[in-house]
C-alpha atoms as a PDB file:
ATOM      1  CA  MET A   1      32.475  41.762 -31.034  1.00  0.00           C
ATOM      2  CA  THR A   2      35.561  40.129 -32.586  1.00  0.00           C
ATOM      3  CA  GLY A   3      36.662  36.566 -31.891  1.00  0.00           C
ATOM      4  CA  LYS A   4      39.506  37.733 -29.635  1.00  0.00           C
ATOM      5  CA  ALA A   5      37.200  40.027 -27.700  1.00  0.00           C
ATOM      6  CA  ALA A   6      34.642  37.241 -27.250  1.00  0.00           C
ATOM      7  CA  ALA A   7      37.330  34.831 -26.059  1.00  0.00           C
ATOM      8  CA  ALA A   8      38.640  37.449 -23.645  1.00  0.00           C
ATOM      9  CA  ALA A   9      35.134  38.018 -22.270  1.00  0.00           C
ATOM     10  CA  VAL A  10      34.586  34.277 -21.780  1.00  0.00           C
ATOM     11  CA  SER A  11      37.983  33.950 -20.120  1.00  0.00           C
ATOM     12  CA  ALA A  12      37.190  36.865 -17.808  1.00  0.00           C
ATOM     13  CA  ARG A  13      33.867  35.311 -16.808  1.00  0.00           C
ATOM     14  CA  ALA A  14      35.504  31.917 -16.201  1.00  0.00           C
ATOM     15  CA  GLY A  15      38.190  33.539 -14.064  1.00  0.00           C
ATOM     16  CA  ARG A  16      35.553  35.400 -12.093  1.00  0.00           C
ATOM     17  CA  VAL A  17      33.620  32.192 -11.468  1.00  0.00           C
ATOM     18  CA  LEU A  18      36.761  30.335 -10.375  1.00  0.00           C
ATOM     19  CA  ARG A  19      37.744  33.157  -8.005  1.00  0.00           C
ATOM     20  CA  LYS A  20      34.266  33.180  -6.531  1.00  0.00           C
ATOM     21  CA  LEU A  21      34.271  29.397  -6.059  1.00  0.00           C
ATOM     22  CA  ALA A  22      37.722  29.528  -4.468  1.00  0.00           C
ATOM     23  CA  GLY A  23      36.597  32.281  -2.111  1.00  0.00           C
ATOM     24  CA  MET A  24      33.466  30.322  -1.233  1.00  0.00           C
ATOM     25  CA  ALA A  25      35.501  27.177  -0.497  1.00  0.00           C
ATOM     26  CA  ALA A  26      37.938  29.150   1.683  1.00  0.00           C
ATOM     27  CA  THR A  27      35.077  30.767   3.598  1.00  0.00           C
ATOM     28  CA  LEU A  28      33.424  27.412   4.235  1.00  0.00           C
ATOM     29  CA  TRP A  29      36.717  25.895   5.360  1.00  0.00           C
ATOM     30  CA  VAL A  30      37.380  28.711   7.852  1.00  0.00           C
ATOM     31  CA  THR A  31      33.782  28.469   9.061  1.00  0.00           C
ATOM     32  CA  SER A  32      34.075  24.718   9.583  1.00  0.00           C
ATOM     33  CA  PHE A  33      37.227  25.239  11.667  1.00  0.00           C
ATOM     34  CA  LEU A  34      35.558  27.894  13.825  1.00  0.00           C
ATOM     35  CA  VAL A  35      32.398  25.822  14.262  1.00  0.00           C
ATOM     36  CA  PHE A  36      34.367  22.739  15.296  1.00  0.00           C
ATOM     37  CA  SER A  37      36.655  24.733  17.591  1.00  0.00           C
ATOM     38  CA  SER A  38      33.699  26.288  19.417  1.00  0.00           C
ATOM     39  CA  LEU A  39      33.168  23.017  21.295  1.00  0.00           C
ATOM     40  CA  TYR A  40      36.623  23.294  22.828  1.00  0.00           C
ATOM     41  CA  LEU A  41      36.463  27.017  23.594  1.00  0.00           C
ATOM     42  CA  ALA A  42      33.920  26.417  26.359  1.00  0.00           C
ATOM     43  CA  PRO A  43      35.464  25.957  29.797  1.00  0.00           C
ATOM     44  CA  GLY A  44      35.654  22.440  31.148  1.00  0.00           C
ATOM     45  CA  ASP A  45      36.020  18.986  29.684  1.00  0.00           C
ATOM     46  CA  PRO A  46      33.782  18.340  26.623  1.00  0.00           C
ATOM     47  CA  ALA A  47      33.175  14.814  27.885  1.00  0.00           C
ATOM     48  CA  SER A  48      31.621  16.203  31.089  1.00  0.00           C
ATOM     49  CA  PHE A  49      28.933  17.975  29.022  1.00  0.00           C
ATOM     50  CA  LEU A  50      27.814  14.650  27.598  1.00  0.00           C
ATOM     51  CA  VAL A  51      27.179  13.197  31.064  1.00  0.00           C
ATOM     52  CA  ARG A  52      25.490  16.257  32.559  1.00  0.00           C
ATOM     53  CA  GLY A  53      23.371  15.260  35.549  1.00  0.00           C
ATOM     54  CA  ARG A  54      25.332  12.061  36.185  1.00  0.00           C
ATOM     55  CA  SER A  55      28.480  11.248  38.144  1.00  0.00           C
ATOM     56  CA  PRO A  56      30.531   8.819  36.060  1.00  0.00           C
ATOM     57  CA  GLY A  57      33.758   7.347  37.289  1.00  0.00           C
ATOM     58  CA  PRO A  58      37.179   7.929  35.725  1.00  0.00           C
ATOM     59  CA  GLU A  59      36.881   4.745  33.663  1.00  0.00           C
ATOM     60  CA  GLN A  60      33.530   5.829  32.216  1.00  0.00           C
ATOM     61  CA  LEU A  61      34.863   9.298  31.368  1.00  0.00           C
ATOM     62  CA  ALA A  62      37.860   7.722  29.690  1.00  0.00           C
ATOM     63  CA  GLU A  63      35.565   5.495  27.624  1.00  0.00           C
ATOM     64  CA  ILE A  64      33.450   8.509  26.579  1.00  0.00           C
ATOM     65  CA  ARG A  65      36.587  10.401  25.549  1.00  0.00           C
ATOM     66  CA  ARG A  66      37.712   7.410  23.512  1.00  0.00           C
ATOM     67  CA  GLN A  67      34.272   6.905  21.941  1.00  0.00           C
ATOM     68  CA  TYR A  68      33.975  10.530  20.826  1.00  0.00           C
ATOM     69  CA  GLY A  69      37.653  10.900  19.966  1.00  0.00           C
ATOM     70  CA  PHE A  70      38.422  13.427  22.703  1.00  0.00           C
ATOM     71  CA  ASP A  71      41.595  11.526  23.566  1.00  0.00           C
ATOM     72  CA  GLU A  72      43.135  12.309  20.159  1.00  0.00           C
ATOM     73  CA  PRO A  73      45.067  15.494  19.252  1.00  0.00           C
ATOM     74  CA  PHE A  74      42.934  18.439  18.113  1.00  0.00           C
ATOM     75  CA  PRO A  75      44.148  18.434  14.465  1.00  0.00           C
ATOM     76  CA  VAL A  76      43.282  14.723  14.187  1.00  0.00           C
ATOM     77  CA  ARG A  77      39.840  15.277  15.664  1.00  0.00           C
ATOM     78  CA  TYR A  78      39.164  18.187  13.306  1.00  0.00           C
ATOM     79  CA  TRP A  79      40.337  16.263  10.248  1.00  0.00           C
ATOM     80  CA  ASN A  80      38.207  13.233  11.125  1.00  0.00           C
ATOM     81  CA  TRP A  81      35.175  15.459  11.675  1.00  0.00           C
ATOM     82  CA  LEU A  82      35.737  17.401   8.442  1.00  0.00           C
ATOM     83  CA  GLU A  83      36.200  14.186   6.494  1.00  0.00           C
ATOM     84  CA  GLY A  84      32.913  12.920   7.878  1.00  0.00           C
ATOM     85  CA  VAL A  85      31.130  16.189   7.041  1.00  0.00           C
ATOM     86  CA  LEU A  86      32.292  15.945   3.429  1.00  0.00           C
ATOM     87  CA  ARG A  87      30.666  12.497   3.330  1.00  0.00           C
ATOM     88  CA  GLY A  88      27.469  13.810   4.924  1.00  0.00           C
ATOM     89  CA  ASP A  89      28.279  12.299   8.322  1.00  0.00           C
ATOM     90  CA  PHE A  90      27.926  14.932  11.066  1.00  0.00           C
ATOM     91  CA  GLY A  91      28.304  12.508  13.931  1.00  0.00           C
ATOM     92  CA  ARG A  92      25.732  11.071  16.321  1.00  0.00           C
ATOM     93  CA  SER A  93      23.315  13.017  18.508  1.00  0.00           C
ATOM     94  CA  HIS A  94      23.571  12.003  22.153  1.00  0.00           C
ATOM     95  CA  LEU A  95      20.144  13.568  22.786  1.00  0.00           C
ATOM     96  CA  PHE A  96      18.188  11.710  20.080  1.00  0.00           C
ATOM     97  CA  HIS A  97      20.536   8.693  19.798  1.00  0.00           C
ATOM     98  CA  GLN A  98      20.455   8.997  16.000  1.00  0.00           C
ATOM     99  CA  ASP A  99      22.767  10.207  13.272  1.00  0.00           C
ATOM    100  CA  VAL A 100      22.773  14.010  13.196  1.00  0.00           C
ATOM    101  CA  ALA A 101      22.008  14.032   9.472  1.00  0.00           C
ATOM    102  CA  ALA A 102      18.868  11.930  10.056  1.00  0.00           C
ATOM    103  CA  VAL A 103      17.704  14.213  12.882  1.00  0.00           C
ATOM    104  CA  ILE A 104      18.136  17.357  10.775  1.00  0.00           C
ATOM    105  CA  TRP A 105      16.631  15.770   7.674  1.00  0.00           C
ATOM    106  CA  SER A 106      13.457  14.885   9.603  1.00  0.00           C
ATOM    107  CA  ARG A 107      13.031  18.547  10.651  1.00  0.00           C
ATOM    108  CA  LEU A 108      14.153  20.188   7.412  1.00  0.00           C
ATOM    109  CA  PRO A 109      10.877  19.984   5.384  1.00  0.00           C
ATOM    110  CA  ALA A 110       8.971  22.041   7.972  1.00  0.00           C
ATOM    111  CA  SER A 111      11.630  24.768   7.987  1.00  0.00           C
ATOM    112  CA  LEU A 112      11.884  24.827   4.198  1.00  0.00           C
ATOM    113  CA  LEU A 113       8.099  25.229   3.910  1.00  0.00           C
ATOM    114  CA  LEU A 114       8.212  28.047   6.462  1.00  0.00           C
ATOM    115  CA  VAL A 115      11.079  29.865   4.720  1.00  0.00           C
ATOM    116  CA  SER A 116       9.657  29.404   1.207  1.00  0.00           C
ATOM    117  CA  THR A 117       6.227  30.690   2.283  1.00  0.00           C
ATOM    118  CA  ALA A 118       7.813  33.689   3.989  1.00  0.00           C
ATOM    119  CA  ALA A 119       9.998  34.323   0.918  1.00  0.00           C
ATOM    120  CA  LEU A 120       6.895  34.369  -1.288  1.00  0.00           C
ATOM    121  CA  MET A 121       5.257  36.885   1.030  1.00  0.00           C
ATOM    122  CA  ILE A 122       8.378  39.044   0.949  1.00  0.00           C
ATOM    123  CA  ALA A 123       8.613  38.926  -2.851  1.00  0.00           C
ATOM    124  CA  VAL A 124       4.944  39.769  -3.429  1.00  0.00           C
ATOM    125  CA  ALA A 125       4.153  42.185  -0.617  1.00  0.00           C
ATOM    126  CA  GLY A 126       7.606  43.715  -0.092  1.00  0.00           C
ATOM    127  CA  VAL A 127       8.388  44.434  -3.734  1.00  0.00           C
ATOM    128  CA  GLY A 128       4.785  45.421  -4.461  1.00  0.00           C
ATOM    129  CA  ALA A 129       4.654  47.901  -1.585  1.00  0.00           C
ATOM    130  CA  GLY A 130       8.008  49.370  -2.632  1.00  0.00           C
ATOM    131  CA  VAL A 131       6.821  49.889  -6.205  1.00  0.00           C
ATOM    132  CA  VAL A 132       3.586  51.546  -5.019  1.00  0.00           C
ATOM    133  CA  GLY A 133       5.505  53.794  -2.636  1.00  0.00           C
ATOM    134  CA  ALA A 134       7.915  54.917  -5.370  1.00  0.00           C
ATOM    135  CA  LEU A 135       5.166  55.593  -7.921  1.00  0.00           C
ATOM    136  CA  ARG A 136       3.121  57.549  -5.344  1.00  0.00           C
ATOM    137  CA  ARG A 137       5.969  59.344  -3.660  1.00  0.00           C
ATOM    138  CA  GLY A 138       4.892  62.067  -1.269  1.00  0.00           C
ATOM    139  CA  THR A 139       1.244  60.987  -1.151  1.00  0.00           C
ATOM    140  CA  ARG A 140      -0.679  59.697   1.842  1.00  0.00           C
ATOM    141  CA  THR A 141      -0.239  56.165   0.550  1.00  0.00           C
ATOM    142  CA  ASP A 142       3.533  56.586   0.471  1.00  0.00           C
ATOM    143  CA  ARG A 143       3.639  58.085   3.956  1.00  0.00           C
ATOM    144  CA  ALA A 144       1.459  55.282   5.337  1.00  0.00           C
ATOM    145  CA  LEU A 145       3.709  52.664   3.737  1.00  0.00           C
ATOM    146  CA  MET A 146       6.851  54.282   5.115  1.00  0.00           C
ATOM    147  CA  LEU A 147       5.314  54.395   8.596  1.00  0.00           C
ATOM    148  CA  ALA A 148       4.434  50.700   8.358  1.00  0.00           C
ATOM    149  CA  VAL A 149       7.954  49.942   7.070  1.00  0.00           C
ATOM    150  CA  THR A 150       9.561  51.794   9.971  1.00  0.00           C
ATOM    151  CA  VAL A 151       7.443  49.934  12.523  1.00  0.00           C
ATOM    152  CA  GLY A 152       7.925  46.579  10.798  1.00  0.00           C
ATOM    153  CA  ALA A 153      11.702  46.936  10.525  1.00  0.00           C
ATOM    154  CA  ALA A 154      12.017  47.846  14.211  1.00  0.00           C
ATOM    155  CA  ALA A 155       9.695  45.152  15.571  1.00  0.00           C
ATOM    156  CA  PRO A 156      11.506  42.097  17.028  1.00  0.00           C
ATOM    157  CA  ALA A 157      10.456  38.778  15.511  1.00  0.00           C
ATOM    158  CA  PHE A 158       9.305  37.303  18.841  1.00  0.00           C
ATOM    159  CA  VAL A 159       7.074  40.329  19.517  1.00  0.00           C
ATOM    160  CA  VAL A 160       5.478  40.033  16.073  1.00  0.00           C
ATOM    161  CA  ALA A 161       5.022  36.286  16.568  1.00  0.00           C
ATOM    162  CA  LEU A 162       3.333  36.688  19.949  1.00  0.00           C
ATOM    163  CA  LEU A 163       1.119  39.526  18.677  1.00  0.00           C
ATOM    164  CA  LEU A 164      -0.041  37.613  15.595  1.00  0.00           C
ATOM    165  CA  ARG A 165      -0.593  34.459  17.616  1.00  0.00           C
ATOM    166  CA  SER A 166      -2.634  36.323  20.216  1.00  0.00           C
ATOM    167  CA  VAL A 167      -4.814  38.312  17.789  1.00  0.00           C
ATOM    168  CA  LEU A 168      -5.205  36.176  14.644  1.00  0.00           C
ATOM    169  CA  GLY A 169      -4.783  32.812  16.310  1.00  0.00           C
ATOM    170  CA  VAL A 170      -6.349  32.978  19.784  1.00  0.00           C
ATOM    171  CA  ARG A 171      -8.858  35.838  19.652  1.00  0.00           C
ATOM    172  CA  LEU A 172     -10.082  35.555  16.077  1.00  0.00           C
ATOM    173  CA  GLY A 173      -9.322  31.861  15.628  1.00  0.00           C
ATOM    174  CA  TRP A 174      -8.378  32.240  11.964  1.00  0.00           C
ATOM    175  CA  PHE A 175      -5.165  30.233  12.201  1.00  0.00           C
ATOM    176  CA  PRO A 176      -3.847  27.380  14.367  1.00  0.00           C
ATOM    177  CA  THR A 177      -1.257  28.526  16.848  1.00  0.00           C
ATOM    178  CA  ILE A 178       0.811  25.423  17.490  1.00  0.00           C
ATOM    179  CA  GLY A 179       2.237  22.456  15.604  1.00  0.00           C
ATOM    180  CA  ASN A 180       3.119  21.613  12.004  1.00  0.00           C
ATOM    181  CA  GLY A 181      -0.212  20.203  10.859  1.00  0.00           C
ATOM    182  CA  ALA A 182      -0.965  16.930   9.062  1.00  0.00           C
ATOM    183  CA  GLY A 183      -1.539  16.741   5.325  1.00  0.00           C
ATOM    184  CA  PRO A 184      -0.648  19.304   2.639  1.00  0.00           C
ATOM    185  CA  TRP A 185      -3.468  21.798   3.191  1.00  0.00           C
ATOM    186  CA  ASP A 186      -3.327  21.543   6.973  1.00  0.00           C
ATOM    187  CA  ARG A 187       0.431  22.128   6.920  1.00  0.00           C
ATOM    188  CA  LEU A 188      -0.080  25.184   4.720  1.00  0.00           C
ATOM    189  CA  HIS A 189      -2.761  26.478   7.102  1.00  0.00           C
ATOM    190  CA  HIS A 190      -0.425  25.977  10.058  1.00  0.00           C
ATOM    191  CA  VAL A 191       2.530  27.667   8.374  1.00  0.00           C
ATOM    192  CA  LEU A 192       0.815  30.869   7.161  1.00  0.00           C
ATOM    193  CA  LEU A 193       0.857  32.672  10.508  1.00  0.00           C
ATOM    194  CA  PRO A 194       4.468  31.738  11.405  1.00  0.00           C
ATOM    195  CA  ALA A 195       5.550  32.721   7.876  1.00  0.00           C
ATOM    196  CA  LEU A 196       3.885  36.104   8.270  1.00  0.00           C
ATOM    197  CA  ALA A 197       5.641  36.607  11.614  1.00  0.00           C
ATOM    198  CA  LEU A 198       8.955  35.597  10.051  1.00  0.00           C
ATOM    199  CA  SER A 199       8.568  37.844   7.008  1.00  0.00           C
ATOM    200  CA  VAL A 200       7.456  41.134   8.596  1.00  0.00           C
ATOM    201  CA  THR A 201      10.919  42.548   9.292  1.00  0.00           C
ATOM    202  CA  PHE A 202      12.390  41.284   6.014  1.00  0.00           C
ATOM    203  CA  MET A 203       9.345  42.544   4.117  1.00  0.00           C
ATOM    204  CA  ALA A 204       9.907  46.023   5.505  1.00  0.00           C
ATOM    205  CA  LEU A 205      13.572  46.006   4.428  1.00  0.00           C
ATOM    206  CA  VAL A 206      12.733  44.801   0.910  1.00  0.00           C
ATOM    207  CA  THR A 207      10.044  47.478   0.620  1.00  0.00           C
ATOM    208  CA  ARG A 208      12.537  50.189   1.515  1.00  0.00           C
ATOM    209  CA  VAL A 209      15.166  48.856  -0.909  1.00  0.00           C
ATOM    210  CA  THR A 210      12.616  48.511  -3.724  1.00  0.00           C
ATOM    211  CA  ARG A 211      11.284  52.028  -3.216  1.00  0.00           C
ATOM    212  CA  SER A 212      14.803  53.495  -3.169  1.00  0.00           C
ATOM    213  CA  ALA A 213      15.879  51.569  -6.295  1.00  0.00           C
ATOM    214  CA  MET A 214      12.727  52.567  -8.157  1.00  0.00           C
ATOM    215  CA  LEU A 215      13.170  56.243  -7.261  1.00  0.00           C
ATOM    216  CA  ASP A 216      16.782  56.159  -8.463  1.00  0.00           C
ATOM    217  CA  GLU A 217      15.676  54.756 -11.821  1.00  0.00           C
ATOM    218  CA  LEU A 218      12.793  57.206 -12.140  1.00  0.00           C
ATOM    219  CA  ARG A 219      15.313  60.065 -11.989  1.00  0.00           C
ATOM    220  CA  ARG A 220      17.352  58.673 -14.903  1.00  0.00           C
ATOM    221  CA  GLU A 221      17.592  60.818 -17.984  1.00  0.00           C
ATOM    222  CA  HIS A 222      16.492  58.082 -20.382  1.00  0.00           C
ATOM    223  CA  VAL A 223      13.270  57.616 -18.395  1.00  0.00           C
ATOM    224  CA  GLU A 224      12.430  61.301 -18.696  1.00  0.00           C
ATOM    225  CA  VAL A 225      13.249  61.223 -22.405  1.00  0.00           C
ATOM    226  CA  ALA A 226      10.998  58.200 -22.969  1.00  0.00           C
ATOM    227  CA  LEU A 227       8.110  59.882 -21.155  1.00  0.00           C
ATOM    228  CA  SER A 228       8.617  63.146 -23.049  1.00  0.00           C
ATOM    229  CA  ARG A 229       8.397  61.259 -26.362  1.00  0.00           C
ATOM    230  CA  GLY A 230       4.949  60.000 -25.469  1.00  0.00           C
ATOM    231  CA  THR A 231       5.813  56.437 -24.444  1.00  0.00           C
ATOM    232  CA  PRO A 232       3.050  55.158 -22.138  1.00  0.00           C
ATOM    233  CA  ARG A 233       4.032  55.491 -18.497  1.00  0.00           C
ATOM    234  CA  ARG A 234       3.125  51.866 -17.793  1.00  0.00           C
ATOM    235  CA  THR A 235       5.511  50.715 -20.540  1.00  0.00           C
ATOM    236  CA  VAL A 236       8.334  52.931 -19.265  1.00  0.00           C
ATOM    237  CA  ILE A 237       7.864  51.662 -15.720  1.00  0.00           C
ATOM    238  CA  ARG A 238       7.898  48.019 -16.789  1.00  0.00           C
ATOM    239  CA  ARG A 239      10.687  48.089 -19.379  1.00  0.00           C
ATOM    240  CA  HIS A 240      13.066  50.706 -18.035  1.00  0.00           C
ATOM    241  CA  VAL A 241      12.413  51.430 -14.357  1.00  0.00           C
ATOM    242  CA  LEU A 242      11.446  48.111 -12.769  1.00  0.00           C
ATOM    243  CA  ARG A 243      13.750  46.046 -14.960  1.00  0.00           C
ATOM    244  CA  ASN A 244      16.806  48.174 -14.144  1.00  0.00           C
ATOM    245  CA  ALA A 245      15.883  48.266 -10.443  1.00  0.00           C
ATOM    246  CA  LEU A 246      15.779  44.472 -10.166  1.00  0.00           C
ATOM    247  CA  GLY A 247      19.529  44.200  -9.480  1.00  0.00           C
ATOM    248  CA  PRO A 248      19.612  45.557  -5.911  1.00  0.00           C
ATOM    249  CA  ILE A 249      16.127  44.186  -5.188  1.00  0.00           C
ATOM    250  CA  VAL A 250      17.061  40.612  -6.084  1.00  0.00           C
ATOM    251  CA  THR A 251      20.430  40.863  -4.331  1.00  0.00           C
ATOM    252  CA  VAL A 252      19.013  42.092  -1.033  1.00  0.00           C
ATOM    253  CA  SER A 253      16.009  39.758  -1.168  1.00  0.00           C
ATOM    254  CA  ALA A 254      18.156  36.675  -1.786  1.00  0.00           C
ATOM    255  CA  LEU A 255      20.548  37.490   1.051  1.00  0.00           C
ATOM    256  CA  LEU A 256      17.687  38.157   3.455  1.00  0.00           C
ATOM    257  CA  VAL A 257      15.946  34.905   2.557  1.00  0.00           C
ATOM    258  CA  SER A 258      19.167  32.922   2.981  1.00  0.00           C
ATOM    259  CA  GLY A 259      19.565  34.403   6.454  1.00  0.00           C
ATOM    260  CA  MET A 260      16.005  33.569   7.498  1.00  0.00           C
ATOM    261  CA  LEU A 261      17.026  30.093   8.676  1.00  0.00           C
ATOM    262  CA  VAL A 262      18.475  31.760  11.777  1.00  0.00           C
ATOM    263  CA  SER A 263      15.245  33.634  12.521  1.00  0.00           C
ATOM    264  CA  THR A 264      13.221  30.421  12.256  1.00  0.00           C
ATOM    265  CA  ALA A 265      14.518  29.491  15.714  1.00  0.00           C
ATOM    266  CA  ILE A 266      12.431  32.271  17.282  1.00  0.00           C
ATOM    267  CA  VAL A 267       9.314  31.752  15.184  1.00  0.00           C
ATOM    268  CA  GLU A 268       9.279  27.953  15.347  1.00  0.00           C
ATOM    269  CA  THR A 269       9.676  28.060  19.121  1.00  0.00           C
ATOM    270  CA  ALA A 270       6.869  30.622  19.485  1.00  0.00           C
ATOM    271  CA  PHE A 271       4.466  28.533  17.388  1.00  0.00           C
ATOM    272  CA  GLY A 272       5.557  25.116  18.645  1.00  0.00           C
ATOM    273  CA  MET A 273       6.746  23.985  15.217  1.00  0.00           C
ATOM    274  CA  SER A 274       9.065  21.019  14.836  1.00  0.00           C
ATOM    275  CA  GLY A 275      11.707  22.410  12.488  1.00  0.00           C
ATOM    276  CA  VAL A 276      15.427  23.046  12.271  1.00  0.00           C
ATOM    277  CA  GLY A 277      15.130  26.325  14.183  1.00  0.00           C
ATOM    278  CA  SER A 278      13.432  24.777  17.198  1.00  0.00           C
ATOM    279  CA  LEU A 279      15.881  21.868  16.950  1.00  0.00           C
ATOM    280  CA  LEU A 280      18.757  24.348  17.263  1.00  0.00           C
ATOM    281  CA  VAL A 281      17.239  25.882  20.402  1.00  0.00           C
ATOM    282  CA  GLN A 282      16.624  22.451  21.915  1.00  0.00           C
ATOM    283  CA  SER A 283      20.139  21.255  21.060  1.00  0.00           C
ATOM    284  CA  VAL A 284      21.770  24.337  22.586  1.00  0.00           C
ATOM    285  CA  ASP A 285      19.709  23.886  25.748  1.00  0.00           C
ATOM    286  CA  GLN A 286      20.649  20.202  25.993  1.00  0.00           C
ATOM    287  CA  LEU A 287      24.278  20.746  24.948  1.00  0.00           C
ATOM    288  CA  ASP A 288      23.937  18.469  21.921  1.00  0.00           C
ATOM    289  CA  PHE A 289      27.045  19.908  20.294  1.00  0.00           C
ATOM    290  CA  GLN A 290      27.088  17.674  17.230  1.00  0.00           C
ATOM    291  CA  VAL A 291      23.630  18.879  16.187  1.00  0.00           C
ATOM    292  CA  VAL A 292      24.478  22.519  16.932  1.00  0.00           C
ATOM    293  CA  GLN A 293      27.672  22.316  14.890  1.00  0.00           C
ATOM    294  CA  ALA A 294      25.864  20.751  11.934  1.00  0.00           C
ATOM    295  CA  ILE A 295      23.025  23.315  11.905  1.00  0.00           C
ATOM    296  CA  VAL A 296      25.374  26.304  12.210  1.00  0.00           C
ATOM    297  CA  LEU A 297      27.566  24.958   9.437  1.00  0.00           C
ATOM    298  CA  LEU A 298      24.578  24.344   7.156  1.00  0.00           C
ATOM    299  CA  VAL A 299      23.167  27.835   7.774  1.00  0.00           C
ATOM    300  CA  VAL A 300      26.506  29.489   7.013  1.00  0.00           C
ATOM    301  CA  ALA A 301      26.948  27.280   3.935  1.00  0.00           C
ATOM    302  CA  ALA A 302      23.491  28.276   2.660  1.00  0.00           C
ATOM    303  CA  PHE A 303      24.277  31.967   3.154  1.00  0.00           C
ATOM    304  CA  VAL A 304      27.669  31.707   1.450  1.00  0.00           C
ATOM    305  CA  VAL A 305      26.315  29.712  -1.507  1.00  0.00           C
ATOM    306  CA  VAL A 306      23.395  32.096  -2.058  1.00  0.00           C
ATOM    307  CA  ASN A 307      25.727  35.082  -1.803  1.00  0.00           C
ATOM    308  CA  ALA A 308      28.033  33.568  -4.424  1.00  0.00           C
ATOM    309  CA  LEU A 309      25.149  32.702  -6.758  1.00  0.00           C
ATOM    310  CA  VAL A 310      23.682  36.186  -6.499  1.00  0.00           C
ATOM    311  CA  ASP A 311      27.064  37.717  -7.237  1.00  0.00           C
ATOM    312  CA  LEU A 312      27.488  35.495 -10.296  1.00  0.00           C
ATOM    313  CA  LEU A 313      23.936  36.047 -11.583  1.00  0.00           C
ATOM    314  CA  HIS A 314      23.883  39.793 -10.956  1.00  0.00           C
ATOM    315  CA  PRO A 315      25.401  40.667 -14.369  1.00  0.00           C
ATOM    316  CA  LEU A 316      22.623  38.657 -16.030  1.00  0.00           C
ATOM    317  CA  ILE A 317      19.975  40.564 -14.086  1.00  0.00           C
ATOM    318  CA  ASP A 318      21.580  43.954 -14.683  1.00  0.00           C
ATOM    319  CA  PRO A 319      23.799  43.925 -17.829  1.00  0.00           C
ATOM    320  CA  ARG A 320      25.187  47.339 -16.850  1.00  0.00           C
ATOM    321  CA  THR A 321      27.139  45.620 -14.093  1.00  0.00           C
ATOM    322  CA  ALA A 322      28.890  43.351 -16.578  1.00  0.00           C
ATOM    323  CA  ALA A 323      29.586  46.282 -18.880  1.00  0.00           C
ATOM    324  CA  GLY A 324      31.066  48.271 -16.012  1.00  0.00           C
ATOM    325  CA  SER A 325      33.316  45.444 -14.857  1.00  0.00           C
ATOM    326  CA  ALA A 326      34.521  44.774 -18.385  1.00  0.00           C
ATOM    327  CA  ARG A 327      36.005  48.248 -18.802  1.00  0.00           C
END
């Protein structure tokens, strides 16, 4: 590659990164506007939600509107809120009487442990089952895996959670069924069953994607040529098939994992865990809008950031993508 060609390639990559960052920033800005506006789309006075169950007088309502900025024009309120968010200030929770950031931060470790454990299960079991299904296509093993995948993908998360809790937790007593646990090993013991419940549907999807990607690569001409030349099948699978199939596998897996924060609401509630998901359910029930806005914004931000990173790293995982885009 000549110097001009190398400079052009670097410039193209830099432009691609800048476009992706600009798109990510625009998406987050639009999301922040929609999240903030959702409070005012509900019928009624927002101040009346904060005093639910009480009968304040006009002076008290006026003071609440002033305290929370409801007496200011909408653009001013949105700008003040956005400016605070950029500083890490999401407002104050009227339910917990604490800063929203502190409330979420106290619940975040439990949710991160749950999601990371489920992601590990998805990566190991989902990808492994997909590889086995592709290499044993048409056999009883493959048919059994596809049946399990179909059932797993169709099963709602709350049904899986209740089933696992009833069988493995209550009847067999292998796992605790409620709480976060105390201490590293106890927390891990508590999180295994919720993580399994959280990962079942995503595991099934990753298995299907892995199997499909592996089968596509197995049909490639260069794979058949390598096998016909006497290259060991294990070597061909590792170097040519699995490596080239990693692109769609990693992309789908990363997007699914980034979206798991939403599903934690169901699983954490079913297992009585104190995490961000259960906090979201509690905040919606108690109309703690500041907490709801912050959690929704953080979940969308995580999804957008992961999506952008996967898009930027995809050419490194599968060089054929970069070669195709460079033409």
